Amino acid sequence: LHPYTQGLFHSLPRLGEKKHRLDAIGGNVPDPLTFPAGCKF
């Protein structure tokens, strides 16, 4: 359900799809000293 969880699953290789390009989660992991306001993701 959560967009982050969905991103984790989309980044996995898919069996039988040789030409499938893995989908990376955009951006960078936030700095724990300066987490963004609101939802951290």
PDB file of all heavy atoms in Angstrom:
ATOM      1  N   LEU A   1       0.797  -1.216   0.000  1.00  0.00           N
ATOM      2  CA  LEU A   1       0.000   0.000   0.000  1.00  0.00           C
ATOM      3  C   LEU A   1       0.836   1.275   0.000  1.00  0.00           C
ATOM      4  O   LEU A   1       0.519   2.228  -0.711  1.00  0.00           O
ATOM      5  CB  LEU A   1      -0.936   0.005   1.222  1.00  0.00           C
ATOM      6  CG  LEU A   1      -2.029  -1.058   1.265  1.00  0.00           C
ATOM      7  CD1 LEU A   1      -2.869  -0.894   2.527  1.00  0.00           C
ATOM      8  CD2 LEU A   1      -2.920  -0.983   0.031  1.00  0.00           C
ATOM      9  N   HIS A   2       1.862   1.318   0.835  1.00  0.00           N
ATOM     10  CA  HIS A   2       2.640   2.552   0.953  1.00  0.00           C
ATOM     11  C   HIS A   2       3.513   2.749  -0.291  1.00  0.00           C
ATOM     12  O   HIS A   2       4.080   1.785  -0.815  1.00  0.00           O
ATOM     13  CB  HIS A   2       3.522   2.486   2.202  1.00  0.00           C
ATOM     14  CG  HIS A   2       4.072   3.810   2.603  1.00  0.00           C
ATOM     15  ND1 HIS A   2       5.173   4.378   1.995  1.00  0.00           N
ATOM     16  CD2 HIS A   2       3.674   4.705   3.554  1.00  0.00           C
ATOM     17  CE1 HIS A   2       5.440   5.548   2.555  1.00  0.00           C
ATOM     18  NE2 HIS A   2       4.541   5.770   3.499  1.00  0.00           N
ATOM     19  N   PRO A   3       3.640   3.985  -0.789  1.00  0.00           N
ATOM     20  CA  PRO A   3       4.465   4.220  -1.984  1.00  0.00           C
ATOM     21  C   PRO A   3       5.908   3.746  -1.833  1.00  0.00           C
ATOM     22  O   PRO A   3       6.505   3.294  -2.819  1.00  0.00           O
ATOM     23  CB  PRO A   3       4.398   5.745  -2.155  1.00  0.00           C
ATOM     24  CG  PRO A   3       3.113   6.141  -1.517  1.00  0.00           C
ATOM     25  CD  PRO A   3       2.926   5.200  -0.356  1.00  0.00           C
ATOM     26  N   TYR A   4       6.459   3.826  -0.626  1.00  0.00           N
ATOM     27  CA  TYR A   4       7.824   3.327  -0.431  1.00  0.00           C
ATOM     28  C   TYR A   4       7.875   1.816  -0.585  1.00  0.00           C
ATOM     29  O   TYR A   4       8.771   1.277  -1.251  1.00  0.00           O
ATOM     30  CB  TYR A   4       8.344   3.734   0.946  1.00  0.00           C
ATOM     31  CG  TYR A   4       9.694   3.129   1.266  1.00  0.00           C
ATOM     32  CD1 TYR A   4      10.823   3.477   0.535  1.00  0.00           C
ATOM     33  CD2 TYR A   4       9.845   2.193   2.291  1.00  0.00           C
ATOM     34  CE1 TYR A   4      12.057   2.924   0.806  1.00  0.00           C
ATOM     35  CE2 TYR A   4      11.070   1.636   2.580  1.00  0.00           C
ATOM     36  CZ  TYR A   4      12.175   2.001   1.831  1.00  0.00           C
ATOM     37  OH  TYR A   4      13.393   1.441   2.098  1.00  0.00           O
ATOM     38  N   THR A   5       6.913   1.109   0.008  1.00  0.00           N
ATOM     39  CA  THR A   5       6.856  -0.350  -0.142  1.00  0.00           C
ATOM     40  C   THR A   5       6.681  -0.717  -1.611  1.00  0.00           C
ATOM     41  O   THR A   5       7.324  -1.645  -2.116  1.00  0.00           O
ATOM     42  CB  THR A   5       5.697  -0.930   0.683  1.00  0.00           C
ATOM     43  OG1 THR A   5       5.722  -0.387   1.998  1.00  0.00           O
ATOM     44  CG2 THR A   5       5.805  -2.445   0.771  1.00  0.00           C
ATOM     45  N   GLN A   6       5.820  -0.014  -2.310  1.00  0.00           N
ATOM     46  CA  GLN A   6       5.628  -0.265  -3.735  1.00  0.00           C
ATOM     47  C   GLN A   6       6.922  -0.053  -4.501  1.00  0.00           C
ATOM     48  O   GLN A   6       7.260  -0.822  -5.410  1.00  0.00           O
ATOM     49  CB  GLN A   6       4.527   0.656  -4.275  1.00  0.00           C
ATOM     50  CG  GLN A   6       3.145   0.366  -3.704  1.00  0.00           C
ATOM     51  CD  GLN A   6       2.121   1.422  -4.082  1.00  0.00           C
ATOM     52  OE1 GLN A   6       2.450   2.414  -4.728  1.00  0.00           O
ATOM     53  NE2 GLN A   6       0.868   1.223  -3.666  1.00  0.00           N
ATOM     54  N   GLY A   7       7.672   0.991  -4.128  1.00  0.00           N
ATOM     55  CA  GLY A   7       8.954   1.241  -4.777  1.00  0.00           C
ATOM     56  C   GLY A   7       9.947   0.116  -4.556  1.00  0.00           C
ATOM     57  O   GLY A   7      10.713  -0.240  -5.461  1.00  0.00           O
ATOM     58  N   LEU A   8       9.954  -0.462  -3.345  1.00  0.00           N
ATOM     59  CA  LEU A   8      10.837  -1.598  -3.073  1.00  0.00           C
ATOM     60  C   LEU A   8      10.513  -2.774  -3.987  1.00  0.00           C
ATOM     61  O   LEU A   8      11.406  -3.422  -4.539  1.00  0.00           O
ATOM     62  CB  LEU A   8      10.716  -2.025  -1.608  1.00  0.00           C
ATOM     63  CG  LEU A   8      11.252  -1.072  -0.541  1.00  0.00           C
ATOM     64  CD1 LEU A   8      11.019  -1.663   0.846  1.00  0.00           C
ATOM     65  CD2 LEU A   8      12.733  -0.806  -0.744  1.00  0.00           C
ATOM     66  N   PHE A   9       9.232  -3.060  -4.159  1.00  0.00           N
ATOM     67  CA  PHE A   9       8.832  -4.181  -5.001  1.00  0.00           C
ATOM     68  C   PHE A   9       9.115  -3.901  -6.478  1.00  0.00           C
ATOM     69  O   PHE A   9       9.507  -4.807  -7.226  1.00  0.00           O
ATOM     70  CB  PHE A   9       7.351  -4.506  -4.793  1.00  0.00           C
ATOM     71  CG  PHE A   9       7.077  -5.312  -3.562  1.00  0.00           C
ATOM     72  CD1 PHE A   9       6.654  -4.707  -2.395  1.00  0.00           C
ATOM     73  CD2 PHE A   9       7.270  -6.682  -3.554  1.00  0.00           C
ATOM     74  CE1 PHE A   9       6.414  -5.450  -1.240  1.00  0.00           C
ATOM     75  CE2 PHE A   9       7.041  -7.436  -2.415  1.00  0.00           C
ATOM     76  CZ  PHE A   9       6.612  -6.823  -1.254  1.00  0.00           C
ATOM     77  N   HIS A  10       8.927  -2.654  -6.922  1.00  0.00           N
ATOM     78  CA  HIS A  10       9.197  -2.324  -8.322  1.00  0.00           C
ATOM     79  C   HIS A  10      10.681  -2.409  -8.659  1.00  0.00           C
ATOM     80  O   HIS A  10      11.055  -2.554  -9.828  1.00  0.00           O
ATOM     81  CB  HIS A  10       8.687  -0.920  -8.636  1.00  0.00           C
ATOM     82  CG  HIS A  10       7.188  -0.826  -8.654  1.00  0.00           C
ATOM     83  ND1 HIS A  10       6.519   0.367  -8.479  1.00  0.00           N
ATOM     84  CD2 HIS A  10       6.230  -1.769  -8.803  1.00  0.00           C
ATOM     85  CE1 HIS A  10       5.219   0.143  -8.527  1.00  0.00           C
ATOM     86  NE2 HIS A  10       5.021  -1.147  -8.711  1.00  0.00           N
ATOM     87  N   SER A  11      11.529  -2.294  -7.645  1.00  0.00           N
ATOM     88  CA  SER A  11      12.975  -2.342  -7.885  1.00  0.00           C
ATOM     89  C   SER A  11      13.518  -3.761  -7.988  1.00  0.00           C
ATOM     90  O   SER A  11      14.703  -3.955  -8.262  1.00  0.00           O
ATOM     91  CB  SER A  11      13.710  -1.608  -6.761  1.00  0.00           C
ATOM     92  OG  SER A  11      13.587  -2.306  -5.525  1.00  0.00           O
ATOM     93  N   LEU A  12      12.646  -4.763  -7.778  1.00  0.00           N
ATOM     94  CA  LEU A  12      13.079  -6.155  -7.853  1.00  0.00           C
ATOM     95  C   LEU A  12      13.075  -6.636  -9.300  1.00  0.00           C
ATOM     96  O   LEU A  12      12.211  -6.249 -10.092  1.00  0.00           O
ATOM     97  CB  LEU A  12      12.146  -7.048  -7.028  1.00  0.00           C
ATOM     98  CG  LEU A  12      12.120  -6.822  -5.519  1.00  0.00           C
ATOM     99  CD1 LEU A  12      11.050  -7.706  -4.885  1.00  0.00           C
ATOM    100  CD2 LEU A  12      13.481  -7.121  -4.913  1.00  0.00           C
ATOM    101  N   PRO A  13      14.039  -7.496  -9.680  1.00  0.00           N
ATOM    102  CA  PRO A  13      14.005  -8.086 -11.025  1.00  0.00           C
ATOM    103  C   PRO A  13      12.811  -9.016 -11.173  1.00  0.00           C
ATOM    104  O   PRO A  13      12.394  -9.664 -10.213  1.00  0.00           O
ATOM    105  CB  PRO A  13      15.327  -8.863 -11.096  1.00  0.00           C
ATOM    106  CG  PRO A  13      15.712  -9.115  -9.678  1.00  0.00           C
ATOM    107  CD  PRO A  13      15.190  -7.958  -8.890  1.00  0.00           C
ATOM    108  N   ARG A  14      12.248  -9.054 -12.364  1.00  0.00           N
ATOM    109  CA  ARG A  14      11.076  -9.877 -12.619  1.00  0.00           C
ATOM    110  C   ARG A  14      11.458 -11.085 -13.458  1.00  0.00           C
ATOM    111  O   ARG A  14      12.086 -10.954 -14.513  1.00  0.00           O
ATOM    112  CB  ARG A  14       9.981  -9.061 -13.313  1.00  0.00           C
ATOM    113  CG  ARG A  14       9.501  -7.889 -12.476  1.00  0.00           C
ATOM    114  CD  ARG A  14       8.304  -7.196 -13.112  1.00  0.00           C
ATOM    115  NE  ARG A  14       7.860  -6.107 -12.261  1.00  0.00           N
ATOM    116  CZ  ARG A  14       8.080  -4.819 -12.519  1.00  0.00           C
ATOM    117  NH1 ARG A  14       8.736  -4.484 -13.608  1.00  0.00           N
ATOM    118  NH2 ARG A  14       7.646  -3.894 -11.701  1.00  0.00           N
ATOM    119  N   LEU A  15      11.070 -12.237 -12.984  1.00  0.00           N
ATOM    120  CA  LEU A  15      11.407 -13.487 -13.650  1.00  0.00           C
ATOM    121  C   LEU A  15      10.790 -13.524 -15.042  1.00  0.00           C
ATOM    122  O   LEU A  15       9.605 -13.256 -15.224  1.00  0.00           O
ATOM    123  CB  LEU A  15      10.895 -14.669 -12.824  1.00  0.00           C
ATOM    124  CG  LEU A  15      11.390 -16.058 -13.214  1.00  0.00           C
ATOM    125  CD1 LEU A  15      12.896 -16.157 -13.017  1.00  0.00           C
ATOM    126  CD2 LEU A  15      10.686 -17.129 -12.379  1.00  0.00           C
ATOM    127  N   GLY A  16      11.605 -13.847 -16.052  1.00  0.00           N
ATOM    128  CA  GLY A  16      11.106 -14.002 -17.412  1.00  0.00           C
ATOM    129  C   GLY A  16      11.119 -12.735 -18.237  1.00  0.00           C
ATOM    130  O   GLY A  16      10.867 -12.770 -19.441  1.00  0.00           O
ATOM    131  N   GLU A  17      11.416 -11.581 -17.618  1.00  0.00           N
ATOM    132  CA  GLU A  17      11.461 -10.325 -18.357  1.00  0.00           C
ATOM    133  C   GLU A  17      12.918  -9.906 -18.530  1.00  0.00           C
ATOM    134  O   GLU A  17      13.458  -9.101 -17.783  1.00  0.00           O
ATOM    135  CB  GLU A  17      10.674  -9.242 -17.619  1.00  0.00           C
ATOM    136  CG  GLU A  17       9.188  -9.550 -17.483  1.00  0.00           C
ATOM    137  CD  GLU A  17       8.419  -8.395 -16.850  1.00  0.00           C
ATOM    138  OE1 GLU A  17       8.927  -7.263 -16.878  1.00  0.00           O
ATOM    139  OE2 GLU A  17       7.311  -8.635 -16.337  1.00  0.00           O
ATOM    140  N   LYS A  18      13.564 -10.461 -19.570  1.00  0.00           N
ATOM    141  CA  LYS A  18      14.996 -10.261 -19.751  1.00  0.00           C
ATOM    142  C   LYS A  18      15.356  -8.800 -20.027  1.00  0.00           C
ATOM    143  O   LYS A  18      16.412  -8.322 -19.643  1.00  0.00           O
ATOM    144  CB  LYS A  18      15.495 -11.143 -20.894  1.00  0.00           C
ATOM    145  CG  LYS A  18      15.363 -12.632 -20.621  1.00  0.00           C
ATOM    146  CD  LYS A  18      15.907 -13.452 -21.767  1.00  0.00           C
ATOM    147  CE  LYS A  18      15.771 -14.950 -21.477  1.00  0.00           C
ATOM    148  NZ  LYS A  18      16.277 -15.780 -22.593  1.00  0.00           N
ATOM    149  N   LYS A  19      14.466  -8.091 -20.714  1.00  0.00           N
ATOM    150  CA  LYS A  19      14.769  -6.717 -21.084  1.00  0.00           C
ATOM    151  C   LYS A  19      14.185  -5.699 -20.108  1.00  0.00           C
ATOM    152  O   LYS A  19      14.217  -4.503 -20.358  1.00  0.00           O
ATOM    153  CB  LYS A  19      14.241  -6.440 -22.497  1.00  0.00           C
ATOM    154  CG  LYS A  19      14.920  -7.283 -23.572  1.00  0.00           C
ATOM    155  CD  LYS A  19      14.406  -6.916 -24.956  1.00  0.00           C
ATOM    156  CE  LYS A  19      15.087  -7.759 -26.027  1.00  0.00           C
ATOM    157  NZ  LYS A  19      14.602  -7.411 -27.391  1.00  0.00           N
ATOM    158  N   HIS A  20      13.624  -6.206 -19.019  1.00  0.00           N
ATOM    159  CA  HIS A  20      13.002  -5.289 -18.067  1.00  0.00           C
ATOM    160  C   HIS A  20      14.063  -4.447 -17.367  1.00  0.00           C
ATOM    161  O   HIS A  20      15.066  -4.955 -16.878  1.00  0.00           O
ATOM    162  CB  HIS A  20      12.211  -6.081 -17.020  1.00  0.00           C
ATOM    163  CG  HIS A  20      11.682  -5.244 -15.906  1.00  0.00           C
ATOM    164  ND1 HIS A  20      10.677  -4.335 -16.086  1.00  0.00           N
ATOM    165  CD2 HIS A  20      12.047  -5.157 -14.591  1.00  0.00           C
ATOM    166  CE1 HIS A  20      10.432  -3.730 -14.939  1.00  0.00           C
ATOM    167  NE2 HIS A  20      11.251  -4.206 -14.016  1.00  0.00           N
ATOM    168  N   ARG A  21      13.844  -3.158 -17.345  1.00  0.00           N
ATOM    169  CA  ARG A  21      14.748  -2.243 -16.654  1.00  0.00           C
ATOM    170  C   ARG A  21      14.246  -2.040 -15.222  1.00  0.00           C
ATOM    171  O   ARG A  21      13.074  -1.736 -15.013  1.00  0.00           O
ATOM    172  CB  ARG A  21      14.799  -0.901 -17.376  1.00  0.00           C
ATOM    173  CG  ARG A  21      15.816   0.078 -16.797  1.00  0.00           C
ATOM    174  CD  ARG A  21      15.824   1.371 -17.583  1.00  0.00           C
ATOM    175  NE  ARG A  21      16.823   2.296 -17.073  1.00  0.00           N
ATOM    176  CZ  ARG A  21      18.103   2.303 -17.445  1.00  0.00           C
ATOM    177  NH1 ARG A  21      18.511   1.440 -18.363  1.00  0.00           N
ATOM    178  NH2 ARG A  21      18.949   3.166 -16.937  1.00  0.00           N
ATOM    179  N   LEU A  22      15.131  -2.239 -14.247  1.00  0.00           N
ATOM    180  CA  LEU A  22      14.725  -2.101 -12.854  1.00  0.00           C
ATOM    181  C   LEU A  22      14.357  -0.653 -12.545  1.00  0.00           C
ATOM    182  O   LEU A  22      15.007   0.289 -13.000  1.00  0.00           O
ATOM    183  CB  LEU A  22      15.863  -2.555 -11.931  1.00  0.00           C
ATOM    184  CG  LEU A  22      16.307  -4.016 -12.069  1.00  0.00           C
ATOM    185  CD1 LEU A  22      17.370  -4.333 -11.032  1.00  0.00           C
ATOM    186  CD2 LEU A  22      15.133  -4.951 -11.917  1.00  0.00           C
ATOM    187  N   ASP A  23      13.288  -0.494 -11.792  1.00  0.00           N
ATOM    188  CA  ASP A  23      12.813   0.839 -11.419  1.00  0.00           C
ATOM    189  C   ASP A  23      13.423   1.234 -10.082  1.00  0.00           C
ATOM    190  O   ASP A  23      13.153   0.605  -9.065  1.00  0.00           O
ATOM    191  CB  ASP A  23      11.290   0.850 -11.316  1.00  0.00           C
ATOM    192  CG  ASP A  23      10.620   0.514 -12.635  1.00  0.00           C
ATOM    193  OD1 ASP A  23      11.132   0.970 -13.670  1.00  0.00           O
ATOM    194  OD2 ASP A  23       9.599  -0.199 -12.614  1.00  0.00           O
ATOM    195  N   ALA A  24      14.225   2.267 -10.087  1.00  0.00           N
ATOM    196  CA  ALA A  24      14.827   2.760  -8.853  1.00  0.00           C
ATOM    197  C   ALA A  24      13.910   3.792  -8.207  1.00  0.00           C
ATOM    198  O   ALA A  24      13.139   4.470  -8.890  1.00  0.00           O
ATOM    199  CB  ALA A  24      16.189   3.380  -9.136  1.00  0.00           C
ATOM    200  N   ILE A  25      13.983   3.894  -6.884  1.00  0.00           N
ATOM    201  CA  ILE A  25      13.264   4.950  -6.174  1.00  0.00           C
ATOM    202  C   ILE A  25      14.068   6.233  -6.347  1.00  0.00           C
ATOM    203  O   ILE A  25      15.251   6.287  -6.025  1.00  0.00           O
ATOM    204  CB  ILE A  25      13.106   4.611  -4.684  1.00  0.00           C
ATOM    205  CG1 ILE A  25      12.310   3.309  -4.512  1.00  0.00           C
ATOM    206  CG2 ILE A  25      12.407   5.743  -3.937  1.00  0.00           C
ATOM    207  CD1 ILE A  25      12.195   2.840  -3.072  1.00  0.00           C
ATOM    208  N   GLY A  26      13.434   7.254  -6.885  1.00  0.00           N
ATOM    209  CA  GLY A  26      14.138   8.505  -7.151  1.00  0.00           C
ATOM    210  C   GLY A  26      14.611   9.198  -5.892  1.00  0.00           C
ATOM    211  O   GLY A  26      14.133   8.937  -4.781  1.00  0.00           O
ATOM    212  N   GLY A  27      15.552  10.109  -6.066  1.00  0.00           N
ATOM    213  CA  GLY A  27      16.036  10.892  -4.936  1.00  0.00           C
ATOM    214  C   GLY A  27      17.010  10.139  -4.062  1.00  0.00           C
ATOM    215  O   GLY A  27      17.502   9.065  -4.413  1.00  0.00           O
ATOM    216  N   ASN A  28      17.266  10.693  -2.898  1.00  0.00           N
ATOM    217  CA  ASN A  28      18.224  10.123  -1.962  1.00  0.00           C
ATOM    218  C   ASN A  28      17.590   9.895  -0.594  1.00  0.00           C
ATOM    219  O   ASN A  28      16.589  10.539  -0.243  1.00  0.00           O
ATOM    220  CB  ASN A  28      19.427  11.067  -1.787  1.00  0.00           C
ATOM    221  CG  ASN A  28      20.182  11.276  -3.081  1.00  0.00           C
ATOM    222  OD1 ASN A  28      20.534  10.320  -3.766  1.00  0.00           O
ATOM    223  ND2 ASN A  28      20.439  12.538  -3.416  1.00  0.00           N
ATOM    224  N   VAL A  29      18.167   8.961   0.161  1.00  0.00           N
ATOM    225  CA  VAL A  29      17.730   8.743   1.538  1.00  0.00           C
ATOM    226  C   VAL A  29      17.956  10.028   2.328  1.00  0.00           C
ATOM    227  O   VAL A  29      19.026  10.631   2.241  1.00  0.00           O
ATOM    228  CB  VAL A  29      18.523   7.580   2.171  1.00  0.00           C
ATOM    229  CG1 VAL A  29      18.094   7.375   3.619  1.00  0.00           C
ATOM    230  CG2 VAL A  29      18.338   6.307   1.371  1.00  0.00           C
ATOM    231  N   PRO A  30      16.972  10.496   3.078  1.00  0.00           N
ATOM    232  CA  PRO A  30      17.139  11.772   3.784  1.00  0.00           C
ATOM    233  C   PRO A  30      18.190  11.700   4.878  1.00  0.00           C
ATOM    234  O   PRO A  30      18.397  10.671   5.508  1.00  0.00           O
ATOM    235  CB  PRO A  30      15.747  12.032   4.368  1.00  0.00           C
ATOM    236  CG  PRO A  30      15.113  10.687   4.486  1.00  0.00           C
ATOM    237  CD  PRO A  30      15.641   9.901   3.322  1.00  0.00           C
ATOM    238  N   ASP A  31      18.846  12.820   5.099  1.00  0.00           N
ATOM    239  CA  ASP A  31      19.820  12.953   6.175  1.00  0.00           C
ATOM    240  C   ASP A  31      19.081  12.941   7.508  1.00  0.00           C
ATOM    241  O   ASP A  31      18.178  13.750   7.733  1.00  0.00           O
ATOM    242  CB  ASP A  31      20.565  14.283   6.008  1.00  0.00           C
ATOM    243  CG  ASP A  31      21.676  14.478   7.026  1.00  0.00           C
ATOM    244  OD1 ASP A  31      21.704  13.737   8.033  1.00  0.00           O
ATOM    245  OD2 ASP A  31      22.509  15.371   6.817  1.00  0.00           O
ATOM    246  N   PRO A  32      19.426  12.009   8.421  1.00  0.00           N
ATOM    247  CA  PRO A  32      18.704  11.932   9.701  1.00  0.00           C
ATOM    248  C   PRO A  32      18.850  13.175  10.563  1.00  0.00           C
ATOM    249  O   PRO A  32      18.086  13.372  11.504  1.00  0.00           O
ATOM    250  CB  PRO A  32      19.322  10.702  10.383  1.00  0.00           C
ATOM    251  CG  PRO A  32      20.643  10.516   9.721  1.00  0.00           C
ATOM    252  CD  PRO A  32      20.463  10.974   8.310  1.00  0.00           C
ATOM    253  N   LEU A  33      19.825  14.012  10.271  1.00  0.00           N
ATOM    254  CA  LEU A  33      19.969  15.266  11.007  1.00  0.00           C
ATOM    255  C   LEU A  33      19.009  16.334  10.493  1.00  0.00           C
ATOM    256  O   LEU A  33      18.680  17.284  11.198  1.00  0.00           O
ATOM    257  CB  LEU A  33      21.405  15.780  10.891  1.00  0.00           C
ATOM    258  CG  LEU A  33      22.447  15.067  11.746  1.00  0.00           C
ATOM    259  CD1 LEU A  33      23.845  15.487  11.354  1.00  0.00           C
ATOM    260  CD2 LEU A  33      22.200  15.329  13.229  1.00  0.00           C
ATOM    261  N   THR A  34      18.550  16.165   9.254  1.00  0.00           N
ATOM    262  CA  THR A  34      17.664  17.172   8.647  1.00  0.00           C
ATOM    263  C   THR A  34      16.541  16.478   7.889  1.00  0.00           C
ATOM    264  O   THR A  34      16.410  16.638   6.677  1.00  0.00           O
ATOM    265  CB  THR A  34      18.454  18.086   7.702  1.00  0.00           C
ATOM    266  OG1 THR A  34      19.134  17.278   6.710  1.00  0.00           O
ATOM    267  CG2 THR A  34      19.463  18.922   8.457  1.00  0.00           C
ATOM    268  N   PHE A  35      15.754  15.671   8.595  1.00  0.00           N
ATOM    269  CA  PHE A  35      14.610  15.040   7.949  1.00  0.00           C
ATOM    270  C   PHE A  35      13.681  16.111   7.375  1.00  0.00           C
ATOM    271  O   PHE A  35      13.494  17.171   7.984  1.00  0.00           O
ATOM    272  CB  PHE A  35      13.824  14.191   8.957  1.00  0.00           C
ATOM    273  CG  PHE A  35      14.426  12.845   9.231  1.00  0.00           C
ATOM    274  CD1 PHE A  35      14.472  12.344  10.529  1.00  0.00           C
ATOM    275  CD2 PHE A  35      14.930  12.058   8.206  1.00  0.00           C
ATOM    276  CE1 PHE A  35      15.016  11.095  10.793  1.00  0.00           C
ATOM    277  CE2 PHE A  35      15.481  10.814   8.459  1.00  0.00           C
ATOM    278  CZ  PHE A  35      15.518  10.331   9.750  1.00  0.00           C
ATOM    279  N   PRO A  36      13.070  15.849   6.222  1.00  0.00           N
ATOM    280  CA  PRO A  36      12.147  16.830   5.646  1.00  0.00           C
ATOM    281  C   PRO A  36      10.895  16.979   6.500  1.00  0.00           C
ATOM    282  O   PRO A  36      10.504  16.069   7.229  1.00  0.00           O
ATOM    283  CB  PRO A  36      11.812  16.227   4.274  1.00  0.00           C
ATOM    284  CG  PRO A  36      12.049  14.765   4.435  1.00  0.00           C
ATOM    285  CD  PRO A  36      13.201  14.638   5.391  1.00  0.00           C
ATOM    286  N   ALA A  37      10.270  18.134   6.406  1.00  0.00           N
ATOM    287  CA  ALA A  37       9.011  18.357   7.102  1.00  0.00           C
ATOM    288  C   ALA A  37       7.922  17.495   6.473  1.00  0.00           C
ATOM    289  O   ALA A  37       8.017  17.075   5.322  1.00  0.00           O
ATOM    290  CB  ALA A  37       8.633  19.828   7.026  1.00  0.00           C
ATOM    291  N   GLY A  38       6.880  17.232   7.249  1.00  0.00           N
ATOM    292  CA  GLY A  38       5.783  16.416   6.737  1.00  0.00           C
ATOM    293  C   GLY A  38       6.178  14.960   6.628  1.00  0.00           C
ATOM    294  O   GLY A  38       6.961  14.441   7.427  1.00  0.00           O
ATOM    295  N   CYS A  39       5.644  14.293   5.636  1.00  0.00           N
ATOM    296  CA  CYS A  39       6.001  12.892   5.394  1.00  0.00           C
ATOM    297  C   CYS A  39       7.458  12.820   4.964  1.00  0.00           C
ATOM    298  O   CYS A  39       7.884  13.510   4.032  1.00  0.00           O
ATOM    299  CB  CYS A  39       5.095  12.309   4.312  1.00  0.00           C
ATOM    300  SG  CYS A  39       5.572  10.647   3.789  1.00  0.00           S
ATOM    301  N   LYS A  40       8.241  11.979   5.635  1.00  0.00           N
ATOM    302  CA  LYS A  40       9.671  11.892   5.329  1.00  0.00           C
ATOM    303  C   LYS A  40       9.939  11.362   3.925  1.00  0.00           C
ATOM    304  O   LYS A  40      11.021  11.561   3.369  1.00  0.00           O
ATOM    305  CB  LYS A  40      10.376  11.015   6.367  1.00  0.00           C
ATOM    306  CG  LYS A  40      10.426  11.605   7.770  1.00  0.00           C
ATOM    307  CD  LYS A  40      11.210  10.703   8.699  1.00  0.00           C
ATOM    308  CE  LYS A  40      11.382  11.324  10.081  1.00  0.00           C
ATOM    309  NZ  LYS A  40      10.102  11.411  10.801  1.00  0.00           N
ATOM    310  N   PHE A  41       8.957  10.676   3.349  1.00  0.00           N
ATOM    311  CA  PHE A  41       9.152  10.096   2.018  1.00  0.00           C
ATOM    312  C   PHE A  41       8.698  11.041   0.905  1.00  0.00           C
ATOM    313  O   PHE A  41       8.963  10.781  -0.264  1.00  0.00           O
ATOM    314  CB  PHE A  41       8.386   8.768   1.919  1.00  0.00           C
ATOM    315  CG  PHE A  41       8.648   7.987   0.660  1.00  0.00           C
ATOM    316  CD1 PHE A  41       9.917   7.526   0.354  1.00  0.00           C
ATOM    317  CD2 PHE A  41       7.617   7.723  -0.236  1.00  0.00           C
ATOM    318  CE1 PHE A  41      10.170   6.812  -0.820  1.00  0.00           C
ATOM    319  CE2 PHE A  41       7.852   6.994  -1.397  1.00  0.00           C
ATOM    320  CZ  PHE A  41       9.132   6.542  -1.688  1.00  0.00           C
TER     321      PHE A  41
END
